[in-house]
């Protein structure tokens, strides 16, 4: 089976595209994803972005076969020790959404397969105590 990345360990690139309705273009900065669902994305960074302004960000996630781009509005920040945890409410085109959902589904199936293999391996070393029937004894 092909390698399927864990989305939350992948690096993501962030750039600011708009501040208070004015278009801007910043350099990309690497951030680390901590949560991703159909509406919100959370990431950790050492960048200190102002959350009291309306900031639109672009997040690029490089998947094995293409790059998925999220556009979102910063919705909050929690800071501690120079590390900032951000939440952005994102939008994504339908094609990107389908591909991302397919990747998540494949990742879950892969994890289930790995879990089943581990359970089978464990059980092969620790067979359950089973009573032998008369037929088993004769065989």
N, C-alpha and C. Protein backbone atom coordinates (compact mmCIF):
# COMPACT_ATOMS: atom_id res chain seq x y z
N UNK A 1 0.85 -1.19 0.00
CA UNK A 1 0.00 0.00 0.00
C UNK A 1 0.88 1.24 0.00
N UNK A 2 0.49 2.26 -0.76
CA UNK A 2 1.28 3.48 -0.82
C UNK A 2 1.28 4.17 0.53
N UNK A 3 2.36 4.89 0.81
CA UNK A 3 2.49 5.63 2.05
C UNK A 3 1.46 6.75 2.09
N UNK A 4 0.75 6.85 3.20
CA UNK A 4 -0.25 7.90 3.36
C UNK A 4 0.20 8.79 4.50
N UNK A 5 0.41 10.08 4.26
CA UNK A 5 0.93 10.96 5.30
C UNK A 5 -0.08 11.23 6.40
N UNK A 6 0.43 11.51 7.58
CA UNK A 6 -0.41 11.96 8.68
C UNK A 6 -0.51 13.47 8.56
N UNK A 7 -1.69 13.98 8.31
CA UNK A 7 -1.86 15.42 8.05
C UNK A 7 -1.33 16.28 9.19
N UNK A 8 -1.50 15.82 10.41
CA UNK A 8 -1.11 16.66 11.54
C UNK A 8 0.39 16.67 11.80
N UNK A 9 1.16 15.86 11.09
CA UNK A 9 2.61 15.95 11.24
C UNK A 9 3.25 16.61 10.03
N UNK A 10 2.44 16.97 9.06
CA UNK A 10 2.97 17.59 7.85
C UNK A 10 3.17 19.09 8.06
N UNK A 11 4.22 19.61 7.46
CA UNK A 11 4.42 21.05 7.51
C UNK A 11 3.46 21.71 6.53
N UNK A 12 3.07 22.88 6.89
CA UNK A 12 2.14 23.65 6.10
C UNK A 12 2.75 25.04 5.95
N UNK A 13 2.53 25.67 4.82
CA UNK A 13 3.07 27.01 4.58
C UNK A 13 1.94 28.03 4.67
N UNK A 14 2.19 29.11 5.42
CA UNK A 14 1.21 30.15 5.63
C UNK A 14 1.70 31.46 5.04
N UNK A 15 0.79 32.20 4.42
CA UNK A 15 1.08 33.57 4.01
C UNK A 15 -0.17 34.41 4.28
N UNK A 16 0.04 35.70 4.53
CA UNK A 16 -1.06 36.63 4.76
C UNK A 16 -1.42 37.23 3.41
N UNK A 17 -2.71 37.21 3.07
CA UNK A 17 -3.15 37.74 1.78
C UNK A 17 -3.97 39.02 1.90
N UNK A 18 -4.51 39.29 3.11
CA UNK A 18 -5.32 40.48 3.28
C UNK A 18 -5.34 40.89 4.75
N UNK A 19 -5.26 42.21 4.98
CA UNK A 19 -5.40 42.76 6.33
C UNK A 19 -6.43 43.87 6.26
N UNK A 20 -7.50 43.72 7.03
CA UNK A 20 -8.60 44.71 7.06
C UNK A 20 -9.09 45.08 5.66
N UNK A 21 -9.20 44.10 4.79
CA UNK A 21 -9.73 44.31 3.45
C UNK A 21 -8.72 44.79 2.43
N UNK A 22 -7.49 45.08 2.83
CA UNK A 22 -6.45 45.51 1.89
C UNK A 22 -5.59 44.30 1.53
N UNK A 23 -5.41 44.10 0.23
CA UNK A 23 -4.60 42.97 -0.23
C UNK A 23 -3.13 43.21 0.12
N UNK A 24 -2.49 42.18 0.63
CA UNK A 24 -1.06 42.21 0.91
C UNK A 24 -0.48 40.89 0.43
N UNK A 25 0.81 40.84 0.29
CA UNK A 25 1.48 39.59 -0.08
C UNK A 25 2.71 39.44 0.81
N UNK A 26 2.69 38.45 1.68
CA UNK A 26 3.83 38.22 2.57
C UNK A 26 4.58 36.98 2.10
N UNK A 27 5.77 36.82 2.63
CA UNK A 27 6.52 35.59 2.38
C UNK A 27 5.82 34.45 3.11
N UNK A 28 6.09 33.24 2.65
CA UNK A 28 5.50 32.07 3.31
C UNK A 28 6.32 31.71 4.54
N UNK A 29 5.61 31.26 5.56
CA UNK A 29 6.25 30.80 6.79
C UNK A 29 5.74 29.39 7.08
N UNK A 30 6.62 28.54 7.58
CA UNK A 30 6.20 27.18 7.94
C UNK A 30 5.47 27.20 9.26
N UNK A 31 4.34 26.48 9.30
CA UNK A 31 3.57 26.31 10.52
C UNK A 31 3.27 24.82 10.67
N UNK A 32 2.88 24.42 11.88
CA UNK A 32 2.57 23.01 12.13
C UNK A 32 1.08 22.88 12.43
N UNK A 33 0.40 22.05 11.65
CA UNK A 33 -1.03 21.81 11.87
C UNK A 33 -1.25 21.05 13.16
N UNK A 34 -2.31 21.40 13.89
CA UNK A 34 -2.69 20.64 15.08
C UNK A 34 -4.12 20.13 14.98
N UNK A 35 -4.91 20.70 14.06
CA UNK A 35 -6.31 20.29 13.90
C UNK A 35 -6.79 20.72 12.52
N UNK A 36 -7.58 19.87 11.91
CA UNK A 36 -8.15 20.20 10.61
C UNK A 36 -9.50 19.52 10.49
N UNK A 37 -10.53 20.31 10.21
CA UNK A 37 -11.84 19.73 9.92
C UNK A 37 -12.48 20.54 8.80
N UNK A 38 -13.74 20.32 8.56
CA UNK A 38 -14.41 20.96 7.44
C UNK A 38 -14.58 22.46 7.55
N UNK A 39 -14.38 23.02 8.73
CA UNK A 39 -14.58 24.45 8.91
C UNK A 39 -13.37 25.18 9.49
N UNK A 40 -12.62 24.52 10.35
CA UNK A 40 -11.54 25.20 11.05
C UNK A 40 -10.21 24.48 10.87
N UNK A 41 -9.19 25.26 10.94
CA UNK A 41 -7.84 24.72 10.93
C UNK A 41 -7.10 25.38 12.09
N UNK A 42 -6.36 24.58 12.85
CA UNK A 42 -5.56 25.13 13.95
C UNK A 42 -4.11 24.82 13.65
N UNK A 43 -3.26 25.76 13.97
CA UNK A 43 -1.84 25.58 13.71
C UNK A 43 -1.02 26.30 14.77
N UNK A 44 0.24 25.87 14.88
CA UNK A 44 1.18 26.43 15.85
C UNK A 44 2.30 27.10 15.08
N UNK A 45 2.72 28.26 15.58
CA UNK A 45 3.78 29.00 14.92
C UNK A 45 4.45 29.93 15.93
N UNK A 46 5.66 30.35 15.60
CA UNK A 46 6.32 31.38 16.41
C UNK A 46 5.99 32.77 15.89
N UNK A 47 5.27 32.85 14.76
CA UNK A 47 4.83 34.14 14.24
C UNK A 47 3.79 34.75 15.18
N UNK A 48 3.89 36.05 15.39
CA UNK A 48 2.91 36.75 16.21
C UNK A 48 2.06 37.63 15.29
N UNK A 49 0.90 37.12 14.94
CA UNK A 49 -0.02 37.84 14.06
C UNK A 49 -1.10 38.54 14.90
N UNK A 50 -1.45 39.77 14.55
CA UNK A 50 -2.48 40.47 15.33
C UNK A 50 -3.86 39.88 15.07
N UNK A 51 -4.56 39.52 16.11
CA UNK A 51 -5.89 38.94 15.93
C UNK A 51 -6.99 39.97 16.11
N UNK A 52 -6.63 41.20 16.47
CA UNK A 52 -7.65 42.25 16.61
C UNK A 52 -7.99 42.87 15.25
N UNK A 53 -7.28 42.46 14.21
CA UNK A 53 -7.55 42.94 12.86
C UNK A 53 -8.11 41.78 12.04
N UNK A 54 -8.78 42.09 10.95
CA UNK A 54 -9.34 41.04 10.07
C UNK A 54 -8.24 40.58 9.12
N UNK A 55 -7.66 39.43 9.42
CA UNK A 55 -6.53 38.92 8.65
C UNK A 55 -6.97 37.67 7.90
N UNK A 56 -6.76 37.68 6.59
CA UNK A 56 -7.03 36.53 5.73
C UNK A 56 -5.69 35.86 5.46
N UNK A 57 -5.64 34.56 5.69
CA UNK A 57 -4.41 33.81 5.46
C UNK A 57 -4.64 32.75 4.41
N UNK A 58 -3.57 32.36 3.77
CA UNK A 58 -3.57 31.25 2.82
C UNK A 58 -2.64 30.19 3.40
N UNK A 59 -3.14 28.97 3.49
CA UNK A 59 -2.35 27.85 4.01
C UNK A 59 -2.20 26.81 2.91
N UNK A 60 -0.97 26.42 2.61
CA UNK A 60 -0.70 25.42 1.59
C UNK A 60 -0.22 24.14 2.25
N UNK A 61 -0.92 23.05 1.96
CA UNK A 61 -0.57 21.74 2.47
C UNK A 61 -0.16 20.88 1.29
N UNK A 62 1.10 20.45 1.26
CA UNK A 62 1.62 19.67 0.13
C UNK A 62 1.30 18.19 0.36
N UNK A 63 0.34 17.69 -0.42
CA UNK A 63 0.00 16.27 -0.37
C UNK A 63 0.89 15.53 -1.36
N UNK A 64 0.93 14.21 -1.30
CA UNK A 64 1.83 13.47 -2.20
C UNK A 64 1.59 13.75 -3.68
N UNK A 65 0.36 14.07 -4.09
CA UNK A 65 0.09 14.22 -5.52
C UNK A 65 -0.31 15.64 -5.91
N UNK A 66 -0.54 16.52 -4.94
CA UNK A 66 -0.87 17.92 -5.26
C UNK A 66 -0.85 18.77 -4.01
N UNK A 67 -0.93 20.06 -4.19
CA UNK A 67 -0.97 20.98 -3.07
C UNK A 67 -2.41 21.44 -2.86
N UNK A 68 -2.89 21.36 -1.62
CA UNK A 68 -4.23 21.83 -1.29
C UNK A 68 -4.06 23.18 -0.60
N UNK A 69 -4.84 24.16 -1.04
CA UNK A 69 -4.76 25.51 -0.49
C UNK A 69 -6.04 25.82 0.28
N UNK A 70 -5.87 26.27 1.51
CA UNK A 70 -6.98 26.72 2.35
C UNK A 70 -6.88 28.23 2.45
N UNK A 71 -7.98 28.92 2.35
CA UNK A 71 -8.03 30.35 2.60
C UNK A 71 -8.94 30.54 3.79
N UNK A 72 -8.47 31.28 4.77
CA UNK A 72 -9.28 31.44 5.97
C UNK A 72 -9.03 32.73 6.70
N UNK A 73 -9.92 33.02 7.63
CA UNK A 73 -9.84 34.21 8.45
C UNK A 73 -9.37 33.81 9.84
N UNK A 74 -8.34 34.49 10.35
CA UNK A 74 -7.89 34.20 11.70
C UNK A 74 -9.01 34.49 12.68
N UNK A 75 -9.27 33.55 13.57
CA UNK A 75 -10.38 33.69 14.50
C UNK A 75 -9.94 33.74 15.94
N UNK A 76 -8.68 33.42 16.22
CA UNK A 76 -8.23 33.45 17.60
C UNK A 76 -6.79 33.02 17.74
N UNK A 77 -6.21 33.39 18.89
CA UNK A 77 -4.82 33.04 19.18
C UNK A 77 -4.67 32.83 20.67
N UNK A 78 -3.90 31.80 21.03
CA UNK A 78 -3.50 31.56 22.41
C UNK A 78 -1.98 31.52 22.39
N UNK A 79 -1.35 32.31 23.25
CA UNK A 79 0.11 32.40 23.26
C UNK A 79 0.68 31.97 24.60
N UNK A 80 1.81 31.28 24.54
CA UNK A 80 2.52 30.88 25.75
C UNK A 80 3.97 30.59 25.38
N UNK A 81 4.89 31.23 26.07
CA UNK A 81 6.31 30.95 25.88
C UNK A 81 6.82 31.20 24.47
N UNK A 82 6.31 32.20 23.78
CA UNK A 82 6.77 32.51 22.43
C UNK A 82 6.18 31.64 21.34
N UNK A 83 5.29 30.72 21.72
CA UNK A 83 4.61 29.87 20.74
C UNK A 83 3.15 30.31 20.69
N UNK A 84 2.63 30.43 19.49
CA UNK A 84 1.26 30.90 19.29
C UNK A 84 0.43 29.80 18.63
N UNK A 85 -0.74 29.55 19.19
CA UNK A 85 -1.68 28.58 18.63
C UNK A 85 -2.84 29.37 18.04
N UNK A 86 -3.03 29.23 16.73
CA UNK A 86 -4.03 29.99 16.00
C UNK A 86 -5.18 29.09 15.56
N UNK A 87 -6.35 29.71 15.44
CA UNK A 87 -7.50 29.07 14.82
C UNK A 87 -7.90 29.95 13.64
N UNK A 88 -8.13 29.32 12.50
CA UNK A 88 -8.61 30.04 11.32
C UNK A 88 -9.84 29.32 10.80
N UNK A 89 -10.85 30.09 10.46
CA UNK A 89 -12.04 29.55 9.82
C UNK A 89 -11.74 29.55 8.33
N UNK A 90 -11.73 28.37 7.70
CA UNK A 90 -11.26 28.28 6.31
C UNK A 90 -12.36 27.96 5.32
N UNK A 91 -12.01 28.22 4.07
CA UNK A 91 -12.85 27.86 2.93
C UNK A 91 -11.96 27.06 1.98
N UNK A 92 -12.57 26.14 1.28
CA UNK A 92 -11.81 25.32 0.35
C UNK A 92 -12.72 24.97 -0.83
N UNK A 93 -12.13 24.93 -2.03
CA UNK A 93 -12.96 24.60 -3.20
C UNK A 93 -13.38 23.13 -3.11
N UNK A 94 -14.43 22.79 -3.84
CA UNK A 94 -15.03 21.45 -3.74
C UNK A 94 -14.05 20.36 -4.16
N UNK A 95 -13.24 20.60 -5.16
CA UNK A 95 -12.26 19.62 -5.61
C UNK A 95 -11.24 19.32 -4.51
N UNK A 96 -10.72 20.36 -3.87
CA UNK A 96 -9.76 20.18 -2.78
C UNK A 96 -10.41 19.47 -1.61
N UNK A 97 -11.67 19.83 -1.31
CA UNK A 97 -12.39 19.19 -0.20
C UNK A 97 -12.53 17.69 -0.45
N UNK A 98 -12.90 17.30 -1.68
CA UNK A 98 -13.05 15.88 -2.01
C UNK A 98 -11.73 15.14 -1.85
N UNK A 99 -10.65 15.73 -2.37
CA UNK A 99 -9.34 15.07 -2.27
C UNK A 99 -8.88 14.94 -0.83
N UNK A 100 -9.11 15.97 -0.04
CA UNK A 100 -8.70 15.92 1.36
C UNK A 100 -9.51 14.87 2.11
N UNK A 101 -10.82 14.83 1.88
CA UNK A 101 -11.64 13.82 2.54
C UNK A 101 -11.24 12.41 2.12
N UNK A 102 -10.88 12.24 0.85
CA UNK A 102 -10.41 10.93 0.38
C UNK A 102 -9.12 10.54 1.09
N UNK A 103 -8.21 11.50 1.25
CA UNK A 103 -6.95 11.22 1.94
C UNK A 103 -7.20 10.84 3.40
N UNK A 104 -8.09 11.57 4.07
CA UNK A 104 -8.40 11.26 5.46
C UNK A 104 -9.03 9.87 5.56
N UNK A 105 -9.93 9.55 4.64
CA UNK A 105 -10.56 8.23 4.63
C UNK A 105 -9.51 7.13 4.42
N UNK A 106 -8.61 7.34 3.45
CA UNK A 106 -7.55 6.36 3.19
C UNK A 106 -6.65 6.20 4.42
N UNK A 107 -6.34 7.31 5.07
CA UNK A 107 -5.49 7.28 6.26
C UNK A 107 -6.17 6.46 7.36
N UNK A 108 -7.48 6.67 7.56
CA UNK A 108 -8.20 5.90 8.58
C UNK A 108 -8.24 4.42 8.24
N UNK A 109 -8.45 4.08 6.97
CA UNK A 109 -8.45 2.67 6.56
C UNK A 109 -7.08 2.05 6.78
N UNK A 110 -6.02 2.80 6.47
CA UNK A 110 -4.65 2.32 6.67
C UNK A 110 -4.39 2.05 8.15
N UNK A 111 -4.83 2.97 9.01
CA UNK A 111 -4.65 2.79 10.46
C UNK A 111 -5.41 1.56 10.95
N UNK A 112 -6.63 1.36 10.46
CA UNK A 112 -7.40 0.18 10.85
C UNK A 112 -6.69 -1.10 10.42
N UNK A 113 -6.14 -1.09 9.21
CA UNK A 113 -5.40 -2.25 8.71
C UNK A 113 -4.18 -2.53 9.59
N UNK A 114 -3.44 -1.48 9.95
CA UNK A 114 -2.27 -1.65 10.81
C UNK A 114 -2.68 -2.17 12.19
N UNK A 115 -3.78 -1.66 12.73
CA UNK A 115 -4.27 -2.12 14.03
C UNK A 115 -4.66 -3.60 13.97
N UNK A 116 -5.35 -3.99 12.89
CA UNK A 116 -5.75 -5.39 12.73
C UNK A 116 -4.53 -6.30 12.61
N UNK A 117 -3.51 -5.86 11.87
CA UNK A 117 -2.29 -6.66 11.74
C UNK A 117 -1.61 -6.82 13.08
N UNK A 118 -1.56 -5.75 13.87
CA UNK A 118 -0.94 -5.82 15.19
C UNK A 118 -1.71 -6.77 16.10
N UNK A 119 -3.04 -6.72 16.04
CA UNK A 119 -3.86 -7.61 16.87
C UNK A 119 -3.65 -9.06 16.45
N UNK A 120 -3.61 -9.34 15.14
CA UNK A 120 -3.37 -10.70 14.66
C UNK A 120 -2.01 -11.20 15.11
N UNK A 121 -1.01 -10.34 15.04
CA UNK A 121 0.33 -10.71 15.46
C UNK A 121 0.35 -11.05 16.94
N UNK A 122 -0.30 -10.22 17.74
CA UNK A 122 -0.35 -10.45 19.18
C UNK A 122 -1.05 -11.76 19.49
N UNK A 123 -2.18 -12.00 18.82
CA UNK A 123 -2.95 -13.23 19.07
C UNK A 123 -2.20 -14.48 18.64
N UNK A 124 -1.33 -14.36 17.64
CA UNK A 124 -0.58 -15.54 17.22
C UNK A 124 0.43 -15.97 18.28
N UNK A 125 0.87 -15.06 19.11
CA UNK A 125 1.79 -15.40 20.20
C UNK A 125 1.07 -15.79 21.48
N UNK A 126 -0.19 -15.39 21.59
CA UNK A 126 -0.98 -15.66 22.79
C UNK A 126 -2.31 -16.27 22.40
N UNK A 127 -2.30 -17.55 21.97
CA UNK A 127 -3.57 -18.16 21.56
C UNK A 127 -4.53 -18.26 22.75
N UNK A 128 -5.78 -18.10 22.46
CA UNK A 128 -6.80 -18.19 23.50
C UNK A 128 -6.89 -19.62 23.99
N UNK A 129 -7.17 -19.78 25.27
CA UNK A 129 -7.38 -21.12 25.81
C UNK A 129 -8.70 -21.64 25.27
N UNK A 130 -8.61 -22.67 24.50
CA UNK A 130 -9.83 -23.25 23.95
C UNK A 130 -9.91 -24.70 24.38
N UNK A 131 -11.13 -25.12 24.65
CA UNK A 131 -11.34 -26.51 25.02
C UNK A 131 -11.33 -27.34 23.74
N UNK A 132 -10.65 -28.45 23.81
CA UNK A 132 -10.60 -29.33 22.64
C UNK A 132 -11.79 -30.26 22.67
N UNK A 133 -12.43 -30.36 21.56
CA UNK A 133 -13.58 -31.26 21.46
C UNK A 133 -13.07 -32.66 21.13
N UNK A 134 -13.93 -33.62 21.20
CA UNK A 134 -13.60 -34.99 20.88
C UNK A 134 -13.12 -35.11 19.44
N UNK A 135 -13.72 -34.33 18.54
CA UNK A 135 -13.30 -34.37 17.13
C UNK A 135 -11.88 -33.86 16.99
N UNK A 136 -11.54 -32.77 17.74
CA UNK A 136 -10.18 -32.23 17.69
C UNK A 136 -9.16 -33.26 18.20
N UNK A 137 -9.54 -34.02 19.24
CA UNK A 137 -8.61 -35.00 19.81
C UNK A 137 -8.37 -36.15 18.84
N UNK A 138 -9.38 -36.48 18.03
CA UNK A 138 -9.23 -37.59 17.10
C UNK A 138 -8.45 -37.17 15.85
N UNK A 139 -8.40 -35.92 15.55
CA UNK A 139 -7.74 -35.47 14.33
C UNK A 139 -6.23 -35.55 14.41
